[in-house]
Amino acid sequence: MNTLKVGDKVPSFSAKDQDGNTINLSDYSGKNLIVFFYPKASTPGCTAEACNLRDNYKELQDKGYELLGVSADSEKRQQNFKNKYKFPFPLLADEDHTVINTFGVWGPKKFMGREYDGIHRKTFVVNGEGVVTKVIDKVKTKDHAAQLLAE
């Protein structure tokens, strides 16, 4: 797993969101962007994380951040997740792992003694020039916005 680190320039990417719109990294040029990766839409941890970001969205925006959620779920699953919990930010349906591989968050995981490959729950803060300024490896799903807002 070759994960992007602080100081790395994020390679250009594009992917479809929950509504089939193409989202490009360049759409966020000049803006601070939070890209959060989660394993699977509508699972307890991922729901807690995304809802915490939703509940603190105004505060994050006031600090100049845009948000982008990413998982390997289908557009339909992302759309259901977004509609059910009324997320004000786009969710990328990265089924072909374009964005997941760009950030390097796909790799070996362990759960209940079983090893498998999957998405690692990580969050990246990217500045307006497309450079990673912060990486959160140990995401607190119920208190993620506080992790992002802490300087």
C-alpha atoms as a PDB file:
ATOM      1  CA  MET A   1       0.000   0.000   0.000  1.00  0.00           C
ATOM      2  CA  ASN A   2       1.626   3.223  -1.177  1.00  0.00           C
ATOM      3  CA  THR A   3      -0.381   5.828   0.730  1.00  0.00           C
ATOM      4  CA  LEU A   4      -0.023   9.553   0.010  1.00  0.00           C
ATOM      5  CA  LYS A   5       1.752  11.457   2.768  1.00  0.00           C
ATOM      6  CA  VAL A   6       1.878  15.073   3.932  1.00  0.00           C
ATOM      7  CA  GLY A   7       3.692  17.099   1.274  1.00  0.00           C
ATOM      8  CA  ASP A   8       2.726  14.779  -1.618  1.00  0.00           C
ATOM      9  CA  LYS A   9       0.980  16.266  -4.635  1.00  0.00           C
ATOM     10  CA  VAL A  10      -2.270  14.431  -5.345  1.00  0.00           C
ATOM     11  CA  PRO A  11      -2.310  13.077  -8.905  1.00  0.00           C
ATOM     12  CA  SER A  12      -5.239  14.327 -10.974  1.00  0.00           C
ATOM     13  CA  PHE A  13      -8.307  12.065 -10.818  1.00  0.00           C
ATOM     14  CA  SER A  14     -11.916  11.911 -11.895  1.00  0.00           C
ATOM     15  CA  ALA A  15     -14.727   9.642 -10.725  1.00  0.00           C
ATOM     16  CA  LYS A  16     -18.515   9.503 -10.735  1.00  0.00           C
ATOM     17  CA  ASP A  17     -20.515  10.665  -7.732  1.00  0.00           C
ATOM     18  CA  GLN A  18     -23.763   9.165  -6.422  1.00  0.00           C
ATOM     19  CA  ASP A  19     -25.750  10.880  -9.225  1.00  0.00           C
ATOM     20  CA  GLY A  20     -23.434   9.892 -12.070  1.00  0.00           C
ATOM     21  CA  ASN A  21     -21.783  13.338 -12.285  1.00  0.00           C
ATOM     22  CA  THR A  22     -18.061  13.360 -13.018  1.00  0.00           C
ATOM     23  CA  ILE A  23     -16.062  14.908 -10.173  1.00  0.00           C
ATOM     24  CA  ASN A  24     -12.458  15.937 -10.875  1.00  0.00           C
ATOM     25  CA  LEU A  25      -9.729  16.922  -8.457  1.00  0.00           C
ATOM     26  CA  SER A  26      -9.385  20.099 -10.543  1.00  0.00           C
ATOM     27  CA  ASP A  27     -12.967  21.071  -9.557  1.00  0.00           C
ATOM     28  CA  TYR A  28     -11.493  21.887  -6.137  1.00  0.00           C
ATOM     29  CA  SER A  29      -8.535  23.914  -7.370  1.00  0.00           C
ATOM     30  CA  GLY A  30      -7.897  26.820  -5.008  1.00  0.00           C
ATOM     31  CA  LYS A  31     -10.014  25.220  -2.266  1.00  0.00           C
ATOM     32  CA  ASN A  32      -9.143  23.158   0.797  1.00  0.00           C
ATOM     33  CA  LEU A  33     -10.557  19.676   0.321  1.00  0.00           C
ATOM     34  CA  ILE A  34     -11.182  16.901   2.830  1.00  0.00           C
ATOM     35  CA  VAL A  35     -11.224  13.485   1.127  1.00  0.00           C
ATOM     36  CA  PHE A  36     -12.437  10.771   3.474  1.00  0.00           C
ATOM     37  CA  PHE A  37     -12.308   7.096   2.543  1.00  0.00           C
ATOM     38  CA  TYR A  38     -14.649   4.596   4.149  1.00  0.00           C
ATOM     39  CA  PRO A  39     -14.999   0.829   3.588  1.00  0.00           C
ATOM     40  CA  LYS A  40     -18.731   0.459   2.877  1.00  0.00           C
ATOM     41  CA  ALA A  41     -21.767   2.739   2.741  1.00  0.00           C
ATOM     42  CA  SER A  42     -24.501   2.212   5.336  1.00  0.00           C
ATOM     43  CA  THR A  43     -22.378   0.140   7.718  1.00  0.00           C
ATOM     44  CA  PRO A  44     -22.308   1.296  11.373  1.00  0.00           C
ATOM     45  CA  GLY A  45     -18.794   2.827  11.450  1.00  0.00           C
ATOM     46  CA  CYS A  46     -19.088   4.475   8.056  1.00  0.00           C
ATOM     47  CA  THR A  47     -22.517   5.878   8.913  1.00  0.00           C
ATOM     48  CA  ALA A  48     -21.216   7.273  12.239  1.00  0.00           C
ATOM     49  CA  GLU A  49     -18.252   8.899  10.471  1.00  0.00           C
ATOM     50  CA  ALA A  50     -20.243  10.447   7.617  1.00  0.00           C
ATOM     51  CA  CYS A  51     -23.029  11.647   9.962  1.00  0.00           C
ATOM     52  CA  ASN A  52     -20.456  13.286  12.238  1.00  0.00           C
ATOM     53  CA  LEU A  53     -19.043  15.154   9.229  1.00  0.00           C
ATOM     54  CA  ARG A  54     -22.573  16.075   8.114  1.00  0.00           C
ATOM     55  CA  ASP A  55     -23.442  17.410  11.575  1.00  0.00           C
ATOM     56  CA  ASN A  56     -20.300  19.571  11.567  1.00  0.00           C
ATOM     57  CA  TYR A  57     -20.426  20.469   7.862  1.00  0.00           C
ATOM     58  CA  LYS A  58     -21.221  24.145   8.443  1.00  0.00           C
ATOM     59  CA  GLU A  59     -18.263  24.513  10.810  1.00  0.00           C
ATOM     60  CA  LEU A  60     -15.969  22.734   8.339  1.00  0.00           C
ATOM     61  CA  GLN A  61     -17.207  25.004   5.531  1.00  0.00           C
ATOM     62  CA  ASP A  62     -16.712  28.073   7.726  1.00  0.00           C
ATOM     63  CA  LYS A  63     -13.064  26.968   8.065  1.00  0.00           C
ATOM     64  CA  GLY A  64     -12.859  26.849   4.240  1.00  0.00           C
ATOM     65  CA  TYR A  65     -13.181  23.102   3.655  1.00  0.00           C
ATOM     66  CA  GLU A  66     -15.034  21.185   0.952  1.00  0.00           C
ATOM     67  CA  LEU A  67     -15.790  17.487   1.556  1.00  0.00           C
ATOM     68  CA  LEU A  68     -15.676  14.420  -0.631  1.00  0.00           C
ATOM     69  CA  GLY A  69     -16.518  10.908   0.589  1.00  0.00           C
ATOM     70  CA  VAL A  70     -15.105   7.904  -1.285  1.00  0.00           C
ATOM     71  CA  SER A  71     -15.778   4.169  -1.211  1.00  0.00           C
ATOM     72  CA  ALA A  72     -15.911   1.364  -3.765  1.00  0.00           C
ATOM     73  CA  ASP A  73     -19.716   1.197  -3.558  1.00  0.00           C
ATOM     74  CA  SER A  74     -21.942   1.542  -6.625  1.00  0.00           C
ATOM     75  CA  GLU A  75     -23.587   4.853  -7.576  1.00  0.00           C
ATOM     76  CA  LYS A  76     -26.944   3.417  -6.454  1.00  0.00           C
ATOM     77  CA  ARG A  77     -25.617   2.399  -3.029  1.00  0.00           C
ATOM     78  CA  GLN A  78     -23.914   5.791  -2.568  1.00  0.00           C
ATOM     79  CA  GLN A  79     -27.115   7.559  -3.648  1.00  0.00           C
ATOM     80  CA  ASN A  80     -29.188   5.592  -1.113  1.00  0.00           C
ATOM     81  CA  PHE A  81     -26.609   6.350   1.612  1.00  0.00           C
ATOM     82  CA  LYS A  82     -26.562  10.059   0.782  1.00  0.00           C
ATOM     83  CA  ASN A  83     -30.364  10.360   0.558  1.00  0.00           C
ATOM     84  CA  LYS A  84     -31.046   8.355   3.724  1.00  0.00           C
ATOM     85  CA  TYR A  85     -28.731  10.494   5.870  1.00  0.00           C
ATOM     86  CA  LYS A  86     -29.074  13.763   3.889  1.00  0.00           C
ATOM     87  CA  PHE A  87     -25.352  14.316   3.332  1.00  0.00           C
ATOM     88  CA  PRO A  88     -24.630  17.785   1.892  1.00  0.00           C
ATOM     89  CA  PHE A  89     -21.416  16.604   0.185  1.00  0.00           C
ATOM     90  CA  PRO A  90     -20.814  14.287  -2.801  1.00  0.00           C
ATOM     91  CA  LEU A  91     -19.965  10.604  -2.359  1.00  0.00           C
ATOM     92  CA  LEU A  92     -17.768   9.084  -5.052  1.00  0.00           C
ATOM     93  CA  ALA A  93     -18.707   5.643  -6.353  1.00  0.00           C
ATOM     94  CA  ASP A  94     -15.154   4.456  -6.984  1.00  0.00           C
ATOM     95  CA  GLU A  95     -15.965   0.932  -8.156  1.00  0.00           C
ATOM     96  CA  ASP A  96     -12.853   0.740 -10.364  1.00  0.00           C
ATOM     97  CA  HIS A  97     -10.629   2.004  -7.484  1.00  0.00           C
ATOM     98  CA  THR A  98      -9.267   4.984  -9.454  1.00  0.00           C
ATOM     99  CA  VAL A  99      -9.341   7.397  -6.503  1.00  0.00           C
ATOM    100  CA  ILE A 100      -8.704   4.659  -3.932  1.00  0.00           C
ATOM    101  CA  ASN A 101      -5.475   3.701  -5.740  1.00  0.00           C
ATOM    102  CA  THR A 102      -4.521   7.354  -6.339  1.00  0.00           C
ATOM    103  CA  PHE A 103      -4.471   7.926  -2.563  1.00  0.00           C
ATOM    104  CA  GLY A 104      -3.149   4.431  -1.791  1.00  0.00           C
ATOM    105  CA  VAL A 105      -5.802   3.337   0.689  1.00  0.00           C
ATOM    106  CA  TRP A 106      -6.417  -0.191  -0.689  1.00  0.00           C
ATOM    107  CA  GLY A 107      -4.499  -2.965   1.008  1.00  0.00           C
ATOM    108  CA  PRO A 108      -4.416  -5.911   3.385  1.00  0.00           C
ATOM    109  CA  LYS A 109      -6.732  -5.768   6.405  1.00  0.00           C
ATOM    110  CA  LYS A 110      -7.540  -8.104   9.274  1.00  0.00           C
ATOM    111  CA  PHE A 111     -10.949  -8.610  10.798  1.00  0.00           C
ATOM    112  CA  MET A 112     -11.852 -11.359  13.261  1.00  0.00           C
ATOM    113  CA  GLY A 113      -8.783 -13.356  12.310  1.00  0.00           C
ATOM    114  CA  ARG A 114      -9.523 -13.172   8.593  1.00  0.00           C
ATOM    115  CA  GLU A 115      -7.147 -11.398   6.205  1.00  0.00           C
ATOM    116  CA  TYR A 116      -8.436  -9.736   3.062  1.00  0.00           C
ATOM    117  CA  ASP A 117      -7.839  -6.686   0.866  1.00  0.00           C
ATOM    118  CA  GLY A 118     -10.033  -3.661   1.378  1.00  0.00           C
ATOM    119  CA  ILE A 119     -10.276   0.084   1.856  1.00  0.00           C
ATOM    120  CA  HIS A 120      -8.471   1.525   4.849  1.00  0.00           C
ATOM    121  CA  ARG A 121     -10.464   4.208   6.667  1.00  0.00           C
ATOM    122  CA  LYS A 122      -8.270   7.286   6.169  1.00  0.00           C
ATOM    123  CA  THR A 123      -8.831  10.983   5.645  1.00  0.00           C
ATOM    124  CA  PHE A 124      -6.681  13.411   3.678  1.00  0.00           C
ATOM    125  CA  VAL A 125      -6.726  17.202   3.773  1.00  0.00           C
ATOM    126  CA  VAL A 126      -5.619  18.646   0.432  1.00  0.00           C
ATOM    127  CA  ASN A 127      -4.841  22.344  -0.070  1.00  0.00           C
ATOM    128  CA  GLY A 128      -5.815  24.504  -3.057  1.00  0.00           C
ATOM    129  CA  GLU A 129      -2.617  23.528  -4.891  1.00  0.00           C
ATOM    130  CA  GLY A 130      -3.459  19.817  -4.614  1.00  0.00           C
ATOM    131  CA  VAL A 131      -0.861  19.060  -1.914  1.00  0.00           C
ATOM    132  CA  VAL A 132      -1.669  16.828   1.078  1.00  0.00           C
ATOM    133  CA  THR A 133      -1.425  18.908   4.277  1.00  0.00           C
ATOM    134  CA  LYS A 134      -2.809  16.394   6.785  1.00  0.00           C
ATOM    135  CA  VAL A 135      -3.452  12.630   6.939  1.00  0.00           C
ATOM    136  CA  ILE A 136      -5.616  11.021   9.610  1.00  0.00           C
ATOM    137  CA  ASP A 137      -4.821   7.306   9.890  1.00  0.00           C
ATOM    138  CA  LYS A 138      -6.767   6.578  13.062  1.00  0.00           C
ATOM    139  CA  VAL A 139     -10.191   8.000  12.291  1.00  0.00           C
ATOM    140  CA  LYS A 140     -12.520   8.387  15.266  1.00  0.00           C
ATOM    141  CA  THR A 141     -15.809   7.673  13.517  1.00  0.00           C
ATOM    142  CA  LYS A 142     -18.014   9.388  16.103  1.00  0.00           C
ATOM    143  CA  ASP A 143     -15.742  12.430  16.490  1.00  0.00           C
ATOM    144  CA  HIS A 144     -14.068  12.822  13.110  1.00  0.00           C
ATOM    145  CA  ALA A 145     -14.859  16.506  12.554  1.00  0.00           C
ATOM    146  CA  ALA A 146     -13.055  17.370  15.804  1.00  0.00           C
ATOM    147  CA  GLN A 147      -9.967  15.560  14.482  1.00  0.00           C
ATOM    148  CA  LEU A 148     -10.131  17.673  11.318  1.00  0.00           C
ATOM    149  CA  LEU A 149     -10.797  20.969  13.092  1.00  0.00           C
ATOM    150  CA  ALA A 150      -7.965  20.460  15.618  1.00  0.00           C
ATOM    151  CA  GLU A 151      -4.887  22.329  14.439  1.00  0.00           C
END
